[in-house]
C-alpha atoms as a PDB file:
ATOM      1  CA  UNK A   1      33.691 -22.261  20.470  1.00  0.00           C
ATOM      2  CA  UNK A   2      35.860 -19.186  20.779  1.00  0.00           C
ATOM      3  CA  UNK A   3      37.133 -18.917  24.342  1.00  0.00           C
ATOM      4  CA  UNK A   4      38.579 -16.013  26.295  1.00  0.00           C
ATOM      5  CA  UNK A   5      40.301 -15.350  29.583  1.00  0.00           C
ATOM      6  CA  UNK A   6      38.781 -12.142  31.030  1.00  0.00           C
ATOM      7  CA  UNK A   7      42.256 -10.810  31.802  1.00  0.00           C
ATOM      8  CA  UNK A   8      43.179 -11.044  28.101  1.00  0.00           C
ATOM      9  CA  UNK A   9      40.323  -8.760  27.027  1.00  0.00           C
ATOM     10  CA  UNK A  10      40.119  -5.008  27.296  1.00  0.00           C
ATOM     11  CA  UNK A  11      37.526  -3.845  29.789  1.00  0.00           C
ATOM     12  CA  UNK A  12      35.537  -2.338  26.931  1.00  0.00           C
ATOM     13  CA  UNK A  13      35.406  -5.631  25.013  1.00  0.00           C
ATOM     14  CA  UNK A  14      34.581  -7.673  28.100  1.00  0.00           C
ATOM     15  CA  UNK A  15      31.865  -5.169  29.004  1.00  0.00           C
ATOM     16  CA  UNK A  16      30.356  -5.561  25.529  1.00  0.00           C
ATOM     17  CA  UNK A  17      30.365  -9.369  25.701  1.00  0.00           C
ATOM     18  CA  UNK A  18      28.735  -9.367  29.136  1.00  0.00           C
ATOM     19  CA  UNK A  19      25.985  -6.926  28.170  1.00  0.00           C
ATOM     20  CA  UNK A  20      25.195  -8.735  24.925  1.00  0.00           C
ATOM     21  CA  UNK A  21      25.206 -12.225  26.424  1.00  0.00           C
ATOM     22  CA  UNK A  22      23.428 -11.551  29.714  1.00  0.00           C
ATOM     23  CA  UNK A  23      20.227 -10.115  28.273  1.00  0.00           C
ATOM     24  CA  UNK A  24      17.550  -8.915  28.317  1.00  0.00           C
ATOM     25  CA  UNK A  25      17.997  -7.125  31.645  1.00  0.00           C
ATOM     26  CA  UNK A  26      15.317  -5.150  33.547  1.00  0.00           C
ATOM     27  CA  UNK A  27      15.872  -1.422  33.880  1.00  0.00           C
ATOM     28  CA  UNK A  28      15.999   0.517  37.149  1.00  0.00           C
ATOM     29  CA  UNK A  29      15.005   4.092  36.393  1.00  0.00           C
ATOM     30  CA  UNK A  30      16.601   5.605  39.487  1.00  0.00           C
ATOM     31  CA  UNK A  31      15.574   8.959  40.897  1.00  0.00           C
ATOM     32  CA  UNK A  32      17.810  10.590  43.507  1.00  0.00           C
ATOM     33  CA  UNK A  33      18.532  13.958  45.084  1.00  0.00           C
ATOM     34  CA  UNK A  34      21.929  15.529  45.613  1.00  0.00           C
ATOM     35  CA  UNK A  35      22.972  17.029  48.935  1.00  0.00           C
ATOM     36  CA  UNK A  36      21.345  20.345  47.950  1.00  0.00           C
ATOM     37  CA  UNK A  37      18.048  18.708  46.990  1.00  0.00           C
ATOM     38  CA  UNK A  38      18.497  18.910  43.210  1.00  0.00           C
ATOM     39  CA  UNK A  39      16.871  15.963  41.366  1.00  0.00           C
ATOM     40  CA  UNK A  40      18.700  13.446  39.209  1.00  0.00           C
ATOM     41  CA  UNK A  41      17.234  10.683  37.044  1.00  0.00           C
ATOM     42  CA  UNK A  42      19.165   7.911  35.308  1.00  0.00           C
ATOM     43  CA  UNK A  43      18.562   4.341  34.053  1.00  0.00           C
ATOM     44  CA  UNK A  44      20.599   1.265  35.061  1.00  0.00           C
ATOM     45  CA  UNK A  45      20.300  -2.221  33.592  1.00  0.00           C
ATOM     46  CA  UNK A  46      22.459  -3.994  36.177  1.00  0.00           C
ATOM     47  CA  UNK A  47      19.296  -4.491  38.228  1.00  0.00           C
ATOM     48  CA  UNK A  48      16.950  -7.072  39.721  1.00  0.00           C
ATOM     49  CA  UNK A  49      14.834  -8.115  42.724  1.00  0.00           C
ATOM     50  CA  UNK A  50      16.596 -10.306  45.312  1.00  0.00           C
ATOM     51  CA  UNK A  51      14.248 -10.726  48.271  1.00  0.00           C
ATOM     52  CA  UNK A  52      10.588 -10.389  49.211  1.00  0.00           C
ATOM     53  CA  UNK A  53      10.954 -10.435  52.993  1.00  0.00           C
ATOM     54  CA  UNK A  54      12.470  -7.947  53.402  1.00  0.00           C
ATOM     55  CA  UNK A  55      11.672  -6.519  49.923  1.00  0.00           C
ATOM     56  CA  UNK A  56      15.113  -5.912  48.405  1.00  0.00           C
ATOM     57  CA  UNK A  57      16.046  -4.513  44.994  1.00  0.00           C
ATOM     58  CA  UNK A  58      19.679  -4.195  43.907  1.00  0.00           C
ATOM     59  CA  UNK A  59      21.093  -2.108  41.086  1.00  0.00           C
ATOM     60  CA  UNK A  60      24.660  -1.257  40.206  1.00  0.00           C
ATOM     61  CA  UNK A  61      25.922   2.119  38.942  1.00  0.00           C
ATOM     62  CA  UNK A  62      29.255   1.001  37.498  1.00  0.00           C
ATOM     63  CA  UNK A  63      32.312   3.212  37.239  1.00  0.00           C
ATOM     64  CA  UNK A  64      32.629   4.532  33.690  1.00  0.00           C
ATOM     65  CA  UNK A  65      34.886   2.338  31.556  1.00  0.00           C
ATOM     66  CA  UNK A  66      36.388   5.184  29.532  1.00  0.00           C
ATOM     67  CA  UNK A  67      37.613   7.408  32.387  1.00  0.00           C
ATOM     68  CA  UNK A  68      36.900   5.615  35.703  1.00  0.00           C
ATOM     69  CA  UNK A  69      34.556   8.348  36.962  1.00  0.00           C
ATOM     70  CA  UNK A  70      31.426   7.690  39.019  1.00  0.00           C
ATOM     71  CA  UNK A  71      27.865   8.632  38.160  1.00  0.00           C
ATOM     72  CA  UNK A  72      25.814  11.309  39.901  1.00  0.00           C
ATOM     73  CA  UNK A  73      23.323   8.656  41.064  1.00  0.00           C
ATOM     74  CA  UNK A  74      26.005   6.842  43.067  1.00  0.00           C
ATOM     75  CA  UNK A  75      27.351  10.080  44.516  1.00  0.00           C
ATOM     76  CA  UNK A  76      23.837  11.140  45.547  1.00  0.00           C
ATOM     77  CA  UNK A  77      22.845   7.902  47.293  1.00  0.00           C
ATOM     78  CA  UNK A  78      26.148   7.775  49.162  1.00  0.00           C
ATOM     79  CA  UNK A  79      25.085  11.064  50.762  1.00  0.00           C
ATOM     80  CA  UNK A  80      21.308  10.679  51.108  1.00  0.00           C
ATOM     81  CA  UNK A  81      20.751   6.880  51.353  1.00  0.00           C
ATOM     82  CA  UNK A  82      17.445   7.192  49.461  1.00  0.00           C
ATOM     83  CA  UNK A  83      16.292   6.365  45.928  1.00  0.00           C
ATOM     84  CA  UNK A  84      13.116   5.774  43.945  1.00  0.00           C
ATOM     85  CA  UNK A  85      13.301   2.956  41.408  1.00  0.00           C
ATOM     86  CA  UNK A  86      10.765   3.387  38.617  1.00  0.00           C
ATOM     87  CA  UNK A  87      10.073   0.625  36.094  1.00  0.00           C
ATOM     88  CA  UNK A  88      10.308   1.376  32.378  1.00  0.00           C
ATOM     89  CA  UNK A  89       7.552   0.405  29.982  1.00  0.00           C
ATOM     90  CA  UNK A  90       7.377   0.925  26.238  1.00  0.00           C
ATOM     91  CA  UNK A  91       5.496   4.226  26.539  1.00  0.00           C
ATOM     92  CA  UNK A  92       8.497   5.987  28.118  1.00  0.00           C
ATOM     93  CA  UNK A  93      11.445   4.084  26.638  1.00  0.00           C
ATOM     94  CA  UNK A  94      12.625   6.936  24.373  1.00  0.00           C
ATOM     95  CA  UNK A  95      12.443   9.433  27.230  1.00  0.00           C
ATOM     96  CA  UNK A  96      14.328   7.006  29.469  1.00  0.00           C
ATOM     97  CA  UNK A  97      17.020   6.691  26.798  1.00  0.00           C
ATOM     98  CA  UNK A  98      17.309  10.482  26.506  1.00  0.00           C
ATOM     99  CA  UNK A  99      17.705  10.783  30.281  1.00  0.00           C
ATOM    100  CA  UNK A 100      20.807   8.574  30.120  1.00  0.00           C
ATOM    101  CA  UNK A 101      22.645  11.430  28.404  1.00  0.00           C
ATOM    102  CA  UNK A 102      25.524  12.585  30.597  1.00  0.00           C
ATOM    103  CA  UNK A 103      24.248  16.063  31.331  1.00  0.00           C
ATOM    104  CA  UNK A 104      26.328  18.203  33.715  1.00  0.00           C
ATOM    105  CA  UNK A 105      25.772  17.984  37.453  1.00  0.00           C
ATOM    106  CA  UNK A 106      22.703  19.934  38.536  1.00  0.00           C
ATOM    107  CA  UNK A 107      20.788  19.497  35.258  1.00  0.00           C
ATOM    108  CA  UNK A 108      17.310  18.076  35.899  1.00  0.00           C
ATOM    109  CA  UNK A 109      16.888  14.966  33.715  1.00  0.00           C
ATOM    110  CA  UNK A 110      13.151  14.931  34.462  1.00  0.00           C
ATOM    111  CA  UNK A 111      12.874  18.186  32.534  1.00  0.00           C
ATOM    112  CA  UNK A 112      15.299  17.145  29.792  1.00  0.00           C
ATOM    113  CA  UNK A 113      13.347  13.937  29.190  1.00  0.00           C
ATOM    114  CA  UNK A 114       9.929  15.583  29.491  1.00  0.00           C
ATOM    115  CA  UNK A 115       8.895  13.451  32.462  1.00  0.00           C
ATOM    116  CA  UNK A 116       6.758  14.530  35.416  1.00  0.00           C
ATOM    117  CA  UNK A 117       8.077  14.699  38.988  1.00  0.00           C
ATOM    118  CA  UNK A 118       5.642  13.197  41.485  1.00  0.00           C
ATOM    119  CA  UNK A 119       6.311  13.650  45.242  1.00  0.00           C
ATOM    120  CA  UNK A 120       7.137  10.486  47.173  1.00  0.00           C
ATOM    121  CA  UNK A 121       5.548   9.676  50.517  1.00  0.00           C
ATOM    122  CA  UNK A 122       8.329   8.101  52.584  1.00  0.00           C
ATOM    123  CA  UNK A 123      11.533   9.277  50.869  1.00  0.00           C
ATOM    124  CA  UNK A 124      12.631  12.606  49.427  1.00  0.00           C
ATOM    125  CA  UNK A 125      13.518  11.740  45.777  1.00  0.00           C
ATOM    126  CA  UNK A 126      10.702  12.273  43.280  1.00  0.00           C
ATOM    127  CA  UNK A 127       8.849   9.510  41.466  1.00  0.00           C
ATOM    128  CA  UNK A 128       8.425   9.353  37.665  1.00  0.00           C
ATOM    129  CA  UNK A 129       4.685   9.917  37.309  1.00  0.00           C
ATOM    130  CA  UNK A 130       4.590   8.222  33.901  1.00  0.00           C
ATOM    131  CA  UNK A 131       6.140   4.996  35.214  1.00  0.00           C
ATOM    132  CA  UNK A 132       3.472   2.342  35.906  1.00  0.00           C
ATOM    133  CA  UNK A 133       5.256   0.982  39.012  1.00  0.00           C
ATOM    134  CA  UNK A 134       7.406   3.017  41.406  1.00  0.00           C
ATOM    135  CA  UNK A 135       9.377   1.770  44.419  1.00  0.00           C
ATOM    136  CA  UNK A 136      10.343   4.185  47.169  1.00  0.00           C
ATOM    137  CA  UNK A 137      13.498   2.796  48.771  1.00  0.00           C
ATOM    138  CA  UNK A 138      15.950   3.385  51.564  1.00  0.00           C
ATOM    139  CA  UNK A 139      19.527   2.327  50.788  1.00  0.00           C
ATOM    140  CA  UNK A 140      20.706  -0.297  53.265  1.00  0.00           C
ATOM    141  CA  UNK A 141      24.221  -0.714  51.901  1.00  0.00           C
ATOM    142  CA  UNK A 142      26.530   0.074  49.000  1.00  0.00           C
ATOM    143  CA  UNK A 143      29.116  -2.572  48.156  1.00  0.00           C
ATOM    144  CA  UNK A 144      31.991  -1.480  45.933  1.00  0.00           C
ATOM    145  CA  UNK A 145      33.195  -4.250  43.620  1.00  0.00           C
ATOM    146  CA  UNK A 146      36.415  -2.545  42.534  1.00  0.00           C
ATOM    147  CA  UNK A 147      38.215   0.720  41.966  1.00  0.00           C
ATOM    148  CA  UNK A 148      38.894   0.602  38.213  1.00  0.00           C
ATOM    149  CA  UNK A 149      36.721   1.586  35.238  1.00  0.00           C
ATOM    150  CA  UNK A 150      33.869  -0.880  34.772  1.00  0.00           C
ATOM    151  CA  UNK A 151      33.688  -1.859  38.441  1.00  0.00           C
ATOM    152  CA  UNK A 152      30.163  -2.072  39.813  1.00  0.00           C
ATOM    153  CA  UNK A 153      28.712  -0.739  43.054  1.00  0.00           C
ATOM    154  CA  UNK A 154      25.902  -2.857  44.446  1.00  0.00           C
ATOM    155  CA  UNK A 155      23.220  -0.571  45.849  1.00  0.00           C
ATOM    156  CA  UNK A 156      21.060  -2.644  48.195  1.00  0.00           C
ATOM    157  CA  UNK A 157      17.652  -0.998  48.380  1.00  0.00           C
ATOM    158  CA  UNK A 158      14.822  -1.864  50.738  1.00  0.00           C
ATOM    159  CA  UNK A 159      11.368  -0.999  49.427  1.00  0.00           C
ATOM    160  CA  UNK A 160       9.449   1.122  51.924  1.00  0.00           C
ATOM    161  CA  UNK A 161       6.516   2.039  49.675  1.00  0.00           C
ATOM    162  CA  UNK A 162       5.365   0.894  46.238  1.00  0.00           C
ATOM    163  CA  UNK A 163       2.913   2.513  43.843  1.00  0.00           C
ATOM    164  CA  UNK A 164       1.173   0.631  41.009  1.00  0.00           C
ATOM    165  CA  UNK A 165      -0.956   2.252  38.322  1.00  0.00           C
ATOM    166  CA  UNK A 166      -4.516   0.954  38.278  1.00  0.00           C
ATOM    167  CA  UNK A 167      -4.185   0.690  34.493  1.00  0.00           C
ATOM    168  CA  UNK A 168      -1.880  -2.328  34.880  1.00  0.00           C
ATOM    169  CA  UNK A 169      -3.837  -4.094  37.629  1.00  0.00           C
ATOM    170  CA  UNK A 170      -6.264  -6.960  37.099  1.00  0.00           C
ATOM    171  CA  UNK A 171      -9.548  -7.157  39.000  1.00  0.00           C
ATOM    172  CA  UNK A 172      -7.869  -9.291  41.670  1.00  0.00           C
ATOM    173  CA  UNK A 173      -5.161  -6.610  42.120  1.00  0.00           C
ATOM    174  CA  UNK A 174      -2.460  -8.721  40.434  1.00  0.00           C
ATOM    175  CA  UNK A 175      -0.303  -7.082  37.759  1.00  0.00           C
ATOM    176  CA  UNK A 176      -1.329  -7.649  34.154  1.00  0.00           C
ATOM    177  CA  UNK A 177       2.003  -8.301  32.447  1.00  0.00           C
ATOM    178  CA  UNK A 178       0.740  -7.417  28.976  1.00  0.00           C
ATOM    179  CA  UNK A 179      -0.721  -4.135  30.162  1.00  0.00           C
ATOM    180  CA  UNK A 180       2.516  -3.374  32.014  1.00  0.00           C
ATOM    181  CA  UNK A 181       4.432  -3.719  28.712  1.00  0.00           C
ATOM    182  CA  UNK A 182       7.920  -3.624  30.234  1.00  0.00           C
ATOM    183  CA  UNK A 183      11.084  -3.087  28.221  1.00  0.00           C
ATOM    184  CA  UNK A 184      14.523  -4.488  28.996  1.00  0.00           C
ATOM    185  CA  UNK A 185      18.109  -3.747  27.953  1.00  0.00           C
ATOM    186  CA  UNK A 186      20.386  -5.870  25.796  1.00  0.00           C
ATOM    187  CA  UNK A 187      23.755  -5.221  24.129  1.00  0.00           C
ATOM    188  CA  UNK A 188      24.629  -2.267  21.895  1.00  0.00           C
ATOM    189  CA  UNK A 189      21.547  -0.288  20.886  1.00  0.00           C
ATOM    190  CA  UNK A 190      19.171  -3.208  21.464  1.00  0.00           C
ATOM    191  CA  UNK A 191      16.200  -3.320  23.806  1.00  0.00           C
ATOM    192  CA  UNK A 192      13.533  -5.960  24.276  1.00  0.00           C
ATOM    193  CA  UNK A 193       9.829  -5.304  24.605  1.00  0.00           C
ATOM    194  CA  UNK A 194       8.320  -8.010  26.808  1.00  0.00           C
ATOM    195  CA  UNK A 195       5.490  -8.830  24.408  1.00  0.00           C
ATOM    196  CA  UNK A 196       7.099  -7.972  21.065  1.00  0.00           C
ATOM    197  CA  UNK A 197      10.811  -8.880  21.138  1.00  0.00           C
ATOM    198  CA  UNK A 198      13.872  -6.859  20.158  1.00  0.00           C
ATOM    199  CA  UNK A 199      14.020  -3.303  18.815  1.00  0.00           C
ATOM    200  CA  UNK A 200      16.742  -0.662  18.578  1.00  0.00           C
ATOM    201  CA  UNK A 201      17.152   2.855  19.979  1.00  0.00           C
ATOM    202  CA  UNK A 202      20.150   4.944  18.874  1.00  0.00           C
ATOM    203  CA  UNK A 203      22.324   5.831  21.850  1.00  0.00           C
ATOM    204  CA  UNK A 204      21.952   9.416  23.140  1.00  0.00           C
ATOM    205  CA  UNK A 205      24.298  11.991  21.633  1.00  0.00           C
ATOM    206  CA  UNK A 206      27.642  12.338  23.377  1.00  0.00           C
ATOM    207  CA  UNK A 207      27.396  16.023  22.424  1.00  0.00           C
ATOM    208  CA  UNK A 208      24.204  16.275  24.583  1.00  0.00           C
ATOM    209  CA  UNK A 209      20.733  16.408  23.085  1.00  0.00           C
ATOM    210  CA  UNK A 210      18.805  19.667  23.511  1.00  0.00           C
ATOM    211  CA  UNK A 211      16.211  17.859  25.649  1.00  0.00           C
ATOM    212  CA  UNK A 212      12.424  17.941  25.687  1.00  0.00           C
ATOM    213  CA  UNK A 213      12.474  21.101  27.803  1.00  0.00           C
ATOM    214  CA  UNK A 214      13.959  23.020  24.850  1.00  0.00           C
ATOM    215  CA  UNK A 215      11.304  21.987  22.305  1.00  0.00           C
ATOM    216  CA  UNK A 216       8.973  24.683  20.915  1.00  0.00           C
ATOM    217  CA  UNK A 217       5.746  24.892  22.924  1.00  0.00           C
ATOM    218  CA  UNK A 218       3.525  23.688  20.090  1.00  0.00           C
ATOM    219  CA  UNK A 219       5.679  20.552  19.864  1.00  0.00           C
ATOM    220  CA  UNK A 220       6.158  19.985  23.604  1.00  0.00           C
ATOM    221  CA  UNK A 221       2.414  20.413  24.255  1.00  0.00           C
ATOM    222  CA  UNK A 222       1.260  18.470  21.191  1.00  0.00           C
ATOM    223  CA  UNK A 223      -1.980  16.500  21.449  1.00  0.00           C
ATOM    224  CA  UNK A 224      -0.634  14.068  18.830  1.00  0.00           C
ATOM    225  CA  UNK A 225       3.017  13.410  19.668  1.00  0.00           C
ATOM    226  CA  UNK A 226       3.695  10.870  22.420  1.00  0.00           C
ATOM    227  CA  UNK A 227       6.325  10.983  25.143  1.00  0.00           C
ATOM    228  CA  UNK A 228       8.428   8.590  23.078  1.00  0.00           C
ATOM    229  CA  UNK A 229       8.120  10.943  20.097  1.00  0.00           C
ATOM    230  CA  UNK A 230       9.270  13.881  22.226  1.00  0.00           C
ATOM    231  CA  UNK A 231      12.185  11.832  23.556  1.00  0.00           C
ATOM    232  CA  UNK A 232      13.368  11.193  20.000  1.00  0.00           C
ATOM    233  CA  UNK A 233      12.985  14.855  19.066  1.00  0.00           C
ATOM    234  CA  UNK A 234      14.975  15.942  22.128  1.00  0.00           C
ATOM    235  CA  UNK A 235      17.983  13.811  21.159  1.00  0.00           C
ATOM    236  CA  UNK A 236      19.434  16.269  18.634  1.00  0.00           C
ATOM    237  CA  UNK A 237      22.288  18.712  19.063  1.00  0.00           C
ATOM    238  CA  UNK A 238      20.658  21.630  17.205  1.00  0.00           C
ATOM    239  CA  UNK A 239      17.476  22.424  15.289  1.00  0.00           C
ATOM    240  CA  UNK A 240      17.526  22.448  11.459  1.00  0.00           C
ATOM    241  CA  UNK A 241      18.173  25.819   9.835  1.00  0.00           C
ATOM    242  CA  UNK A 242      15.403  27.884   8.229  1.00  0.00           C
ATOM    243  CA  UNK A 243      16.988  27.198   4.832  1.00  0.00           C
ATOM    244  CA  UNK A 244      16.923  23.434   5.384  1.00  0.00           C
ATOM    245  CA  UNK A 245      13.297  23.599   6.541  1.00  0.00           C
ATOM    246  CA  UNK A 246      12.218  25.649   3.521  1.00  0.00           C
ATOM    247  CA  UNK A 247      14.008  23.327   1.088  1.00  0.00           C
ATOM    248  CA  UNK A 248      12.449  20.254   2.709  1.00  0.00           C
ATOM    249  CA  UNK A 249       8.906  21.692   2.590  1.00  0.00           C
ATOM    250  CA  UNK A 250       9.303  22.724  -1.053  1.00  0.00           C
ATOM    251  CA  UNK A 251      10.316  19.173  -1.950  1.00  0.00           C
ATOM    252  CA  UNK A 252       7.554  17.683   0.204  1.00  0.00           C
ATOM    253  CA  UNK A 253       4.885  19.855  -1.438  1.00  0.00           C
ATOM    254  CA  UNK A 254       5.293  17.836  -4.641  1.00  0.00           C
ATOM    255  CA  UNK A 255       3.759  14.851  -2.803  1.00  0.00           C
ATOM    256  CA  UNK A 256       1.584  16.843  -0.391  1.00  0.00           C
ATOM    257  CA  UNK A 257       0.398  19.968  -2.261  1.00  0.00           C
ATOM    258  CA  UNK A 258      -1.405  21.348   0.820  1.00  0.00           C
ATOM    259  CA  UNK A 259       1.480  20.878   3.243  1.00  0.00           C
ATOM    260  CA  UNK A 260       2.328  24.592   3.432  1.00  0.00           C
ATOM    261  CA  UNK A 261      -1.158  25.432   4.688  1.00  0.00           C
ATOM    262  CA  UNK A 262      -1.621  22.319   6.846  1.00  0.00           C
ATOM    263  CA  UNK A 263      -2.568  22.746  10.503  1.00  0.00           C
ATOM    264  CA  UNK A 264      -0.249  21.897  13.393  1.00  0.00           C
ATOM    265  CA  UNK A 265      -2.347  18.791  14.004  1.00  0.00           C
ATOM    266  CA  UNK A 266      -1.903  17.567  10.425  1.00  0.00           C
ATOM    267  CA  UNK A 267       1.829  18.280  10.482  1.00  0.00           C
ATOM    268  CA  UNK A 268       2.225  16.540  13.823  1.00  0.00           C
ATOM    269  CA  UNK A 269       0.536  13.413  12.465  1.00  0.00           C
ATOM    270  CA  UNK A 270       2.858  13.339   9.467  1.00  0.00           C
ATOM    271  CA  UNK A 271       5.887  14.064  11.669  1.00  0.00           C
ATOM    272  CA  UNK A 272       4.859  11.150  13.886  1.00  0.00           C
ATOM    273  CA  UNK A 273       4.912   8.931  10.815  1.00  0.00           C
ATOM    274  CA  UNK A 274       8.489  10.011  10.041  1.00  0.00           C
ATOM    275  CA  UNK A 275       9.453   9.257  13.642  1.00  0.00           C
ATOM    276  CA  UNK A 276       7.983   5.756  13.357  1.00  0.00           C
ATOM    277  CA  UNK A 277      10.698   5.112  10.771  1.00  0.00           C
ATOM    278  CA  UNK A 278      13.400   6.752  12.883  1.00  0.00           C
ATOM    279  CA  UNK A 279      13.636   9.804  10.593  1.00  0.00           C
ATOM    280  CA  UNK A 280      14.037  12.482  13.260  1.00  0.00           C
ATOM    281  CA  UNK A 281      15.550  15.049  10.890  1.00  0.00           C
ATOM    282  CA  UNK A 282      12.557  15.050   8.516  1.00  0.00           C
ATOM    283  CA  UNK A 283      10.151  15.156  11.445  1.00  0.00           C
ATOM    284  CA  UNK A 284      11.879  18.255  12.800  1.00  0.00           C
ATOM    285  CA  UNK A 285      11.861  20.046   9.430  1.00  0.00           C
ATOM    286  CA  UNK A 286       8.145  19.403   9.128  1.00  0.00           C
ATOM    287  CA  UNK A 287       7.390  20.553  12.684  1.00  0.00           C
ATOM    288  CA  UNK A 288       9.353  23.777  12.210  1.00  0.00           C
ATOM    289  CA  UNK A 289       7.655  24.709   8.937  1.00  0.00           C
END
């Protein structure tokens, strides 16, 4: 075996080893409010359940490795002591990934990711309506594990209300794990789908994706494209040019002679096929034609 002393590794390398080896990890999709009441939404994979009586969840927003800054989620809960932890299933995994983009303070990640804000009952932060299980929590304590980049902050959350979609409940009110269809985080770009194994999602653009809120209405309100499809489409820096779209459609018409007169519905179905192969650029050129 190859062996290492943690102190001999850079924080970045050690971070990579830890995330790749300790996997898959459940994802806390944490919704918070800042001191002015502006919503924030961000995923964290340093997360698990630690007690049933009292019901305690713990997640850790770590200090950024590259510049030792803290995340808006941590700053918000230090002030408000409230959070909603939403679980992530396969149906919203692309939107969850898009929300992890480091948008400036005050930007609403619900809107950027195309997710719906649902009012909570016992805390102020909003719930993610599309999440099949949502935990309203008060924050009992925050334990700092260090002051340098990569250091975690254990956020000890007590569940004060939980909401479970009837679509994932069995007749006896237990959760149907297959219907729940959870996803978990691994190293690099890897995720794990509970019932199907590993898959990859490209990391969000460091240059900031345009977000679902900036998609054309006929795309954003599509009856064909899923939330995951919209999440993929929102993770681009800029839309293709008219020239690129025209060139693409001219080439495509050799295989699909009727493509220029196709309906939005037909184009959306074909664009969805491109997205299934990860070809976001071609999907966009088709949707903009």
